[in-house]
Full PDB file with SEQRES, HELIX, SHEET, SSBOND, CRYST1, ORIGX, SCALE, CONECT and MASTER records, all heavy atoms in Angstrom:
SEQRES   1 A   32  TYR THR ALA ALA PHE GLY LEU THR PRO ALA ARG SER LEU          
SEQRES   2 A   32  GLY ASP GLY GLY LEU GLU LEU LEU GLY ALA GLN ALA PRO          
SEQRES   3 A   32  LEU TYR LEU LEU GLN GLN                                      
HELIX    1 AA1 THR A    2  PHE A    5  1                                   4    
SHEET    1 AA1 3 THR A   8  SER A  12  0                                        
SHEET    2 AA1 3 GLY A  17  LEU A  21 -1                                        
SHEET    3 AA1 3 LEU A  27  LEU A  30 -1                                        
CRYST1    1.000    1.000    1.000  90.00  90.00  90.00 P 1           1          
ORIGX1      1.000000  0.000000  0.000000        0.00000                         
ORIGX2      0.000000  1.000000  0.000000        0.00000                         
ORIGX3      0.000000  0.000000  1.000000        0.00000                         
SCALE1      1.000000  0.000000  0.000000        0.00000                         
SCALE2      0.000000  1.000000  0.000000        0.00000                         
SCALE3      0.000000  0.000000  1.000000        0.00000                         
ATOM      1  N   TYR A   1      -5.748  -0.785   8.676  1.00  0.00           N  
ATOM      2  CA  TYR A   1      -5.623   0.003   7.448  1.00  0.00           C  
ATOM      3  C   TYR A   1      -5.299   1.479   7.723  1.00  0.00           C  
ATOM      4  O   TYR A   1      -4.627   2.109   6.920  1.00  0.00           O  
ATOM      5  CB  TYR A   1      -6.879  -0.144   6.582  1.00  0.00           C  
ATOM      6  CG  TYR A   1      -6.893  -1.473   5.873  1.00  0.00           C  
ATOM      7  CD1 TYR A   1      -7.701  -2.502   6.298  1.00  0.00           C  
ATOM      8  CD2 TYR A   1      -6.038  -1.711   4.810  1.00  0.00           C  
ATOM      9  CE1 TYR A   1      -7.689  -3.733   5.669  1.00  0.00           C  
ATOM     10  CE2 TYR A   1      -6.001  -2.932   4.167  1.00  0.00           C  
ATOM     11  CZ  TYR A   1      -6.838  -3.945   4.591  1.00  0.00           C  
ATOM     12  OH  TYR A   1      -6.801  -5.154   3.975  1.00  0.00           O  
ATOM     13  N   THR A   2      -5.750   2.006   8.829  1.00  0.00           N  
ATOM     14  CA  THR A   2      -5.390   3.388   9.152  1.00  0.00           C  
ATOM     15  C   THR A   2      -3.929   3.470   9.598  1.00  0.00           C  
ATOM     16  O   THR A   2      -3.205   4.378   9.209  1.00  0.00           O  
ATOM     17  CB  THR A   2      -6.331   4.007  10.196  1.00  0.00           C  
ATOM     18  OG1 THR A   2      -6.339   3.205  11.376  1.00  0.00           O  
ATOM     19  CG2 THR A   2      -7.745   4.136   9.639  1.00  0.00           C  
ATOM     20  N   ALA A   3      -3.477   2.510  10.382  1.00  0.00           N  
ATOM     21  CA  ALA A   3      -2.090   2.523  10.864  1.00  0.00           C  
ATOM     22  C   ALA A   3      -1.107   2.118   9.775  1.00  0.00           C  
ATOM     23  O   ALA A   3      -0.051   2.725   9.620  1.00  0.00           O  
ATOM     24  CB  ALA A   3      -1.933   1.600  12.072  1.00  0.00           C  
ATOM     25  N   ALA A   4      -1.419   1.082   9.002  1.00  0.00           N  
ATOM     26  CA  ALA A   4      -0.481   0.552   8.007  1.00  0.00           C  
ATOM     27  C   ALA A   4      -0.356   1.473   6.793  1.00  0.00           C  
ATOM     28  O   ALA A   4       0.750   1.680   6.287  1.00  0.00           O  
ATOM     29  CB  ALA A   4      -0.907  -0.835   7.557  1.00  0.00           C  
ATOM     30  N   PHE A   5      -1.468   2.016   6.314  1.00  0.00           N  
ATOM     31  CA  PHE A   5      -1.453   2.752   5.058  1.00  0.00           C  
ATOM     32  C   PHE A   5      -1.853   4.215   5.200  1.00  0.00           C  
ATOM     33  O   PHE A   5      -1.942   4.928   4.207  1.00  0.00           O  
ATOM     34  CB  PHE A   5      -2.362   2.061   4.039  1.00  0.00           C  
ATOM     35  CG  PHE A   5      -1.986   0.635   3.758  1.00  0.00           C  
ATOM     36  CD1 PHE A   5      -2.956  -0.332   3.636  1.00  0.00           C  
ATOM     37  CD2 PHE A   5      -0.667   0.243   3.611  1.00  0.00           C  
ATOM     38  CE1 PHE A   5      -2.638  -1.657   3.365  1.00  0.00           C  
ATOM     39  CE2 PHE A   5      -0.319  -1.081   3.352  1.00  0.00           C  
ATOM     40  CZ  PHE A   5      -1.307  -2.027   3.220  1.00  0.00           C  
ATOM     41  N   GLY A   6      -2.121   4.662   6.406  1.00  0.00           N  
ATOM     42  CA  GLY A   6      -2.448   6.064   6.613  1.00  0.00           C  
ATOM     43  C   GLY A   6      -3.802   6.492   6.070  1.00  0.00           C  
ATOM     44  O   GLY A   6      -4.027   7.668   5.801  1.00  0.00           O  
ATOM     45  N   LEU A   7      -4.716   5.535   5.887  1.00  0.00           N  
ATOM     46  CA  LEU A   7      -6.047   5.885   5.391  1.00  0.00           C  
ATOM     47  C   LEU A   7      -6.869   6.519   6.511  1.00  0.00           C  
ATOM     48  O   LEU A   7      -6.583   6.302   7.704  1.00  0.00           O  
ATOM     49  CB  LEU A   7      -6.745   4.647   4.841  1.00  0.00           C  
ATOM     50  CG  LEU A   7      -6.006   3.996   3.651  1.00  0.00           C  
ATOM     51  CD1 LEU A   7      -6.688   2.694   3.259  1.00  0.00           C  
ATOM     52  CD2 LEU A   7      -5.923   4.947   2.475  1.00  0.00           C  
ATOM     53  N   THR A   8      -7.899   7.246   6.136  1.00  0.00           N  
ATOM     54  CA  THR A   8      -8.720   7.979   7.099  1.00  0.00           C  
ATOM     55  C   THR A   8     -10.162   7.510   7.027  1.00  0.00           C  
ATOM     56  O   THR A   8     -10.741   7.472   5.940  1.00  0.00           O  
ATOM     57  CB  THR A   8      -8.676   9.487   6.789  1.00  0.00           C  
ATOM     58  OG1 THR A   8      -7.308   9.907   6.800  1.00  0.00           O  
ATOM     59  CG2 THR A   8      -9.452  10.277   7.813  1.00  0.00           C  
ATOM     60  N   PRO A   9     -10.773   7.139   8.163  1.00  0.00           N  
ATOM     61  CA  PRO A   9     -12.199   6.778   8.147  1.00  0.00           C  
ATOM     62  C   PRO A   9     -13.026   7.968   7.675  1.00  0.00           C  
ATOM     63  O   PRO A   9     -12.796   9.099   8.081  1.00  0.00           O  
ATOM     64  CB  PRO A   9     -12.510   6.448   9.609  1.00  0.00           C  
ATOM     65  CG  PRO A   9     -11.179   6.179  10.231  1.00  0.00           C  
ATOM     66  CD  PRO A   9     -10.196   7.023   9.499  1.00  0.00           C  
ATOM     67  N   ALA A  10     -13.997   7.682   6.802  1.00  0.00           N  
ATOM     68  CA  ALA A  10     -14.864   8.740   6.286  1.00  0.00           C  
ATOM     69  C   ALA A  10     -16.306   8.517   6.733  1.00  0.00           C  
ATOM     70  O   ALA A  10     -16.790   9.243   7.577  1.00  0.00           O  
ATOM     71  CB  ALA A  10     -14.767   8.814   4.769  1.00  0.00           C  
ATOM     72  N   ARG A  11     -16.954   7.516   6.183  1.00  0.00           N  
ATOM     73  CA  ARG A  11     -18.368   7.261   6.506  1.00  0.00           C  
ATOM     74  C   ARG A  11     -18.544   5.843   7.015  1.00  0.00           C  
ATOM     75  O   ARG A  11     -17.977   4.908   6.477  1.00  0.00           O  
ATOM     76  CB  ARG A  11     -19.245   7.424   5.262  1.00  0.00           C  
ATOM     77  CG  ARG A  11     -19.251   8.779   4.672  1.00  0.00           C  
ATOM     78  CD  ARG A  11     -20.188   8.836   3.499  1.00  0.00           C  
ATOM     79  NE  ARG A  11     -19.666   8.047   2.378  1.00  0.00           N  
ATOM     80  CZ  ARG A  11     -20.308   7.846   1.235  1.00  0.00           C  
ATOM     81  NH1 ARG A  11     -21.512   8.335   1.059  1.00  0.00           N  
ATOM     82  NH2 ARG A  11     -19.763   7.155   0.276  1.00  0.00           N  
ATOM     83  N   SER A  12     -19.388   5.699   8.027  1.00  0.00           N  
ATOM     84  CA  SER A  12     -19.841   4.386   8.437  1.00  0.00           C  
ATOM     85  C   SER A  12     -21.009   4.019   7.554  1.00  0.00           C  
ATOM     86  O   SER A  12     -21.860   4.865   7.255  1.00  0.00           O  
ATOM     87  CB  SER A  12     -20.299   4.377   9.896  1.00  0.00           C  
ATOM     88  OG  SER A  12     -19.194   4.521  10.745  1.00  0.00           O  
ATOM     89  N   LEU A  13     -21.059   2.788   7.136  1.00  0.00           N  
ATOM     90  CA  LEU A  13     -22.136   2.299   6.298  1.00  0.00           C  
ATOM     91  C   LEU A  13     -22.912   1.262   7.106  1.00  0.00           C  
ATOM     92  O   LEU A  13     -22.733   0.066   6.949  1.00  0.00           O  
ATOM     93  CB  LEU A  13     -21.590   1.698   4.992  1.00  0.00           C  
ATOM     94  CG  LEU A  13     -20.665   2.638   4.216  1.00  0.00           C  
ATOM     95  CD1 LEU A  13     -20.018   1.927   3.053  1.00  0.00           C  
ATOM     96  CD2 LEU A  13     -21.416   3.869   3.748  1.00  0.00           C  
ATOM     97  N   GLY A  14     -23.714   1.759   8.020  1.00  0.00           N  
ATOM     98  CA  GLY A  14     -24.411   0.871   8.947  1.00  0.00           C  
ATOM     99  C   GLY A  14     -23.435   0.246   9.901  1.00  0.00           C  
ATOM    100  O   GLY A  14     -22.351   0.755  10.163  1.00  0.00           O  
ATOM    101  N   ASP A  15     -23.816  -0.912  10.439  1.00  0.00           N  
ATOM    102  CA  ASP A  15     -22.952  -1.600  11.388  1.00  0.00           C  
ATOM    103  C   ASP A  15     -21.876  -2.430  10.719  1.00  0.00           C  
ATOM    104  O   ASP A  15     -20.943  -2.871  11.389  1.00  0.00           O  
ATOM    105  CB  ASP A  15     -23.787  -2.540  12.273  1.00  0.00           C  
ATOM    106  CG  ASP A  15     -24.717  -1.762  13.179  1.00  0.00           C  
ATOM    107  OD1 ASP A  15     -24.412  -0.598  13.506  1.00  0.00           O  
ATOM    108  OD2 ASP A  15     -25.756  -2.330  13.577  1.00  0.00           O  
ATOM    109  N   GLY A  16     -21.984  -2.656   9.406  1.00  0.00           N  
ATOM    110  CA  GLY A  16     -21.093  -3.599   8.761  1.00  0.00           C  
ATOM    111  C   GLY A  16     -20.194  -3.049   7.692  1.00  0.00           C  
ATOM    112  O   GLY A  16     -19.593  -3.819   6.939  1.00  0.00           O  
ATOM    113  N   GLY A  17     -20.066  -1.722   7.596  1.00  0.00           N  
ATOM    114  CA  GLY A  17     -19.213  -1.194   6.553  1.00  0.00           C  
ATOM    115  C   GLY A  17     -18.559   0.120   6.965  1.00  0.00           C  
ATOM    116  O   GLY A  17     -19.085   0.858   7.782  1.00  0.00           O  
ATOM    117  N   LEU A  18     -17.403   0.365   6.399  1.00  0.00           N  
ATOM    118  CA  LEU A  18     -16.666   1.585   6.694  1.00  0.00           C  
ATOM    119  C   LEU A  18     -15.941   2.034   5.433  1.00  0.00           C  
ATOM    120  O   LEU A  18     -15.242   1.235   4.796  1.00  0.00           O  
ATOM    121  CB  LEU A  18     -15.663   1.365   7.821  1.00  0.00           C  
ATOM    122  CG  LEU A  18     -14.791   2.568   8.193  1.00  0.00           C  
ATOM    123  CD1 LEU A  18     -15.644   3.697   8.774  1.00  0.00           C  
ATOM    124  CD2 LEU A  18     -13.715   2.153   9.173  1.00  0.00           C  
ATOM    125  N   GLU A  19     -16.084   3.298   5.100  1.00  0.00           N  
ATOM    126  CA  GLU A  19     -15.369   3.893   3.976  1.00  0.00           C  
ATOM    127  C   GLU A  19     -14.081   4.501   4.500  1.00  0.00           C  
ATOM    128  O   GLU A  19     -14.078   5.251   5.473  1.00  0.00           O  
ATOM    129  CB  GLU A  19     -16.247   4.989   3.347  1.00  0.00           C  
ATOM    130  CG  GLU A  19     -15.574   5.716   2.197  1.00  0.00           C  
ATOM    131  CD  GLU A  19     -16.460   6.839   1.686  1.00  0.00           C  
ATOM    132  OE1 GLU A  19     -16.812   7.738   2.493  1.00  0.00           O  
ATOM    133  OE2 GLU A  19     -16.796   6.814   0.503  1.00  0.00           O  
ATOM    134  N   LEU A  20     -12.964   4.190   3.811  1.00  0.00           N  
ATOM    135  CA  LEU A  20     -11.676   4.765   4.138  1.00  0.00           C  
ATOM    136  C   LEU A  20     -11.174   5.572   2.941  1.00  0.00           C  
ATOM    137  O   LEU A  20     -11.265   5.102   1.800  1.00  0.00           O  
ATOM    138  CB  LEU A  20     -10.654   3.670   4.463  1.00  0.00           C  
ATOM    139  CG  LEU A  20     -10.948   2.799   5.686  1.00  0.00           C  
ATOM    140  CD1 LEU A  20      -9.904   1.693   5.813  1.00  0.00           C  
ATOM    141  CD2 LEU A  20     -10.998   3.633   6.950  1.00  0.00           C  
ATOM    142  N   LEU A  21     -10.672   6.750   3.212  1.00  0.00           N  
ATOM    143  CA  LEU A  21     -10.164   7.627   2.157  1.00  0.00           C  
ATOM    144  C   LEU A  21      -8.681   7.868   2.353  1.00  0.00           C  
ATOM    145  O   LEU A  21      -8.154   7.659   3.440  1.00  0.00           O  
ATOM    146  CB  LEU A  21     -10.931   8.952   2.157  1.00  0.00           C  
ATOM    147  CG  LEU A  21     -12.441   8.846   1.951  1.00  0.00           C  
ATOM    148  CD1 LEU A  21     -13.069  10.232   2.005  1.00  0.00           C  
ATOM    149  CD2 LEU A  21     -12.762   8.160   0.627  1.00  0.00           C  
ATOM    150  N   GLY A  22      -8.044   8.370   1.307  1.00  0.00           N  
ATOM    151  CA  GLY A  22      -6.622   8.692   1.365  1.00  0.00           C  
ATOM    152  C   GLY A  22      -5.851   8.064   0.240  1.00  0.00           C  
ATOM    153  O   GLY A  22      -4.680   8.382   0.024  1.00  0.00           O  
ATOM    154  N   ALA A  23      -6.474   7.194  -0.519  1.00  0.00           N  
ATOM    155  CA  ALA A  23      -5.874   6.609  -1.709  1.00  0.00           C  
ATOM    156  C   ALA A  23      -6.591   7.193  -2.932  1.00  0.00           C  
ATOM    157  O   ALA A  23      -7.532   7.974  -2.780  1.00  0.00           O  
ATOM    158  CB  ALA A  23      -6.030   5.083  -1.683  1.00  0.00           C  
ATOM    159  N   GLN A  24      -6.176   6.821  -4.118  1.00  0.00           N  
ATOM    160  CA  GLN A  24      -6.811   7.353  -5.320  1.00  0.00           C  
ATOM    161  C   GLN A  24      -8.207   6.800  -5.528  1.00  0.00           C  
ATOM    162  O   GLN A  24      -8.984   7.358  -6.293  1.00  0.00           O  
ATOM    163  CB  GLN A  24      -5.941   7.079  -6.530  1.00  0.00           C  
ATOM    164  CG  GLN A  24      -4.674   7.920  -6.515  1.00  0.00           C  
ATOM    165  CD  GLN A  24      -3.755   7.592  -7.661  1.00  0.00           C  
ATOM    166  OE1 GLN A  24      -3.626   6.440  -8.063  1.00  0.00           O  
ATOM    167  NE2 GLN A  24      -3.109   8.617  -8.181  1.00  0.00           N  
ATOM    168  N   ALA A  25      -8.522   5.711  -4.870  1.00  0.00           N  
ATOM    169  CA  ALA A  25      -9.873   5.136  -4.906  1.00  0.00           C  
ATOM    170  C   ALA A  25     -10.294   4.866  -3.466  1.00  0.00           C  
ATOM    171  O   ALA A  25      -9.478   4.482  -2.647  1.00  0.00           O  
ATOM    172  CB  ALA A  25      -9.885   3.830  -5.703  1.00  0.00           C  
ATOM    173  N   PRO A  26     -11.569   5.085  -3.148  1.00  0.00           N  
ATOM    174  CA  PRO A  26     -12.024   4.778  -1.795  1.00  0.00           C  
ATOM    175  C   PRO A  26     -11.955   3.289  -1.522  1.00  0.00           C  
ATOM    176  O   PRO A  26     -12.159   2.471  -2.408  1.00  0.00           O  
ATOM    177  CB  PRO A  26     -13.450   5.295  -1.747  1.00  0.00           C  
ATOM    178  CG  PRO A  26     -13.849   5.560  -3.156  1.00  0.00           C  
ATOM    179  CD  PRO A  26     -12.632   5.604  -3.986  1.00  0.00           C  
ATOM    180  N   LEU A  27     -11.643   2.962  -0.287  1.00  0.00           N  
ATOM    181  CA  LEU A  27     -11.576   1.565   0.140  1.00  0.00           C  
ATOM    182  C   LEU A  27     -12.726   1.327   1.121  1.00  0.00           C  
ATOM    183  O   LEU A  27     -12.904   2.116   2.053  1.00  0.00           O  
ATOM    184  CB  LEU A  27     -10.229   1.313   0.817  1.00  0.00           C  
ATOM    185  CG  LEU A  27      -9.881  -0.138   1.098  1.00  0.00           C  
ATOM    186  CD1 LEU A  27      -8.392  -0.330   0.933  1.00  0.00           C  
ATOM    187  CD2 LEU A  27     -10.306  -0.534   2.468  1.00  0.00           C  
ATOM    188  N   TYR A  28     -13.497   0.293   0.876  1.00  0.00           N  
ATOM    189  CA  TYR A  28     -14.624  -0.046   1.744  1.00  0.00           C  
ATOM    190  C   TYR A  28     -14.348  -1.352   2.456  1.00  0.00           C  
ATOM    191  O   TYR A  28     -14.107  -2.374   1.835  1.00  0.00           O  
ATOM    192  CB  TYR A  28     -15.927  -0.159   0.921  1.00  0.00           C  
ATOM    193  CG  TYR A  28     -16.346   1.172   0.346  1.00  0.00           C  
ATOM    194  CD1 TYR A  28     -15.881   1.574  -0.898  1.00  0.00           C  
ATOM    195  CD2 TYR A  28     -17.139   2.027   1.075  1.00  0.00           C  
ATOM    196  CE1 TYR A  28     -16.231   2.805  -1.415  1.00  0.00           C  
ATOM    197  CE2 TYR A  28     -17.513   3.258   0.557  1.00  0.00           C  
ATOM    198  CZ  TYR A  28     -17.057   3.641  -0.677  1.00  0.00           C  
ATOM    199  OH  TYR A  28     -17.407   4.871  -1.181  1.00  0.00           O  
ATOM    200  N   LEU A  29     -14.344  -1.286   3.785  1.00  0.00           N  
ATOM    201  CA  LEU A  29     -14.225  -2.488   4.605  1.00  0.00           C  
ATOM    202  C   LEU A  29     -15.621  -3.005   4.851  1.00  0.00           C  
ATOM    203  O   LEU A  29     -16.491  -2.264   5.321  1.00  0.00           O  
ATOM    204  CB  LEU A  29     -13.530  -2.167   5.922  1.00  0.00           C  
ATOM    205  CG  LEU A  29     -12.122  -1.585   5.819  1.00  0.00           C  
ATOM    206  CD1 LEU A  29     -11.591  -1.213   7.182  1.00  0.00           C  
ATOM    207  CD2 LEU A  29     -11.183  -2.539   5.107  1.00  0.00           C  
ATOM    208  N   LEU A  30     -15.860  -4.270   4.528  1.00  0.00           N  
ATOM    209  CA  LEU A  30     -17.180  -4.876   4.667  1.00  0.00           C  
ATOM    210  C   LEU A  30     -17.080  -6.048   5.620  1.00  0.00           C  
ATOM    211  O   LEU A  30     -16.382  -7.031   5.337  1.00  0.00           O  
ATOM    212  CB  LEU A  30     -17.689  -5.345   3.302  1.00  0.00           C  
ATOM    213  CG  LEU A  30     -17.724  -4.275   2.208  1.00  0.00           C  
ATOM    214  CD1 LEU A  30     -18.120  -4.894   0.876  1.00  0.00           C  
ATOM    215  CD2 LEU A  30     -18.638  -3.137   2.587  1.00  0.00           C  
ATOM    216  N   GLN A  31     -17.743  -5.939   6.750  1.00  0.00           N  
ATOM    217  CA  GLN A  31     -17.677  -7.020   7.746  1.00  0.00           C  
ATOM    218  C   GLN A  31     -18.496  -8.202   7.264  1.00  0.00           C  
ATOM    219  O   GLN A  31     -19.693  -8.089   7.016  1.00  0.00           O  
ATOM    220  CB  GLN A  31     -18.188  -6.524   9.096  1.00  0.00           C  
ATOM    221  CG  GLN A  31     -18.019  -7.573  10.186  1.00  0.00           C  
ATOM    222  CD  GLN A  31     -18.156  -6.954  11.558  1.00  0.00           C  
ATOM    223  OE1 GLN A  31     -17.364  -6.087  11.936  1.00  0.00           O  
ATOM    224  NE2 GLN A  31     -19.148  -7.383  12.284  1.00  0.00           N  
ATOM    225  N   GLN A  32     -17.813  -9.321   7.119  1.00  0.00           N  
ATOM    226  CA  GLN A  32     -18.425 -10.578   6.689  1.00  0.00           C  
ATOM    227  C   GLN A  32     -17.834 -11.693   7.561  1.00  0.00           C  
ATOM    228  O   GLN A  32     -16.621 -11.879   7.570  1.00  0.00           O  
ATOM    229  CB  GLN A  32     -18.117 -10.879   5.207  1.00  0.00           C  
ATOM    230  CG  GLN A  32     -18.541  -9.806   4.247  1.00  0.00           C  
ATOM    231  CD  GLN A  32     -20.050  -9.736   4.067  1.00  0.00           C  
ATOM    232  OE1 GLN A  32     -20.791 -10.629   4.479  1.00  0.00           O  
ATOM    233  NE2 GLN A  32     -20.515  -8.681   3.445  1.00  0.00           N  
TER     234      GLN A  32                                                      
MASTER        0    0    0    1    3    0    0    6  233    1    0    3          
END                                                                             
């Protein structure tokens, strides 16, 4: 997501989540 869409990691949400910014809405990657 950082390479394809130029999003930037913002906050880690524990071991299983990551907030990405750079779009009009934040994108959260959730490891499942």
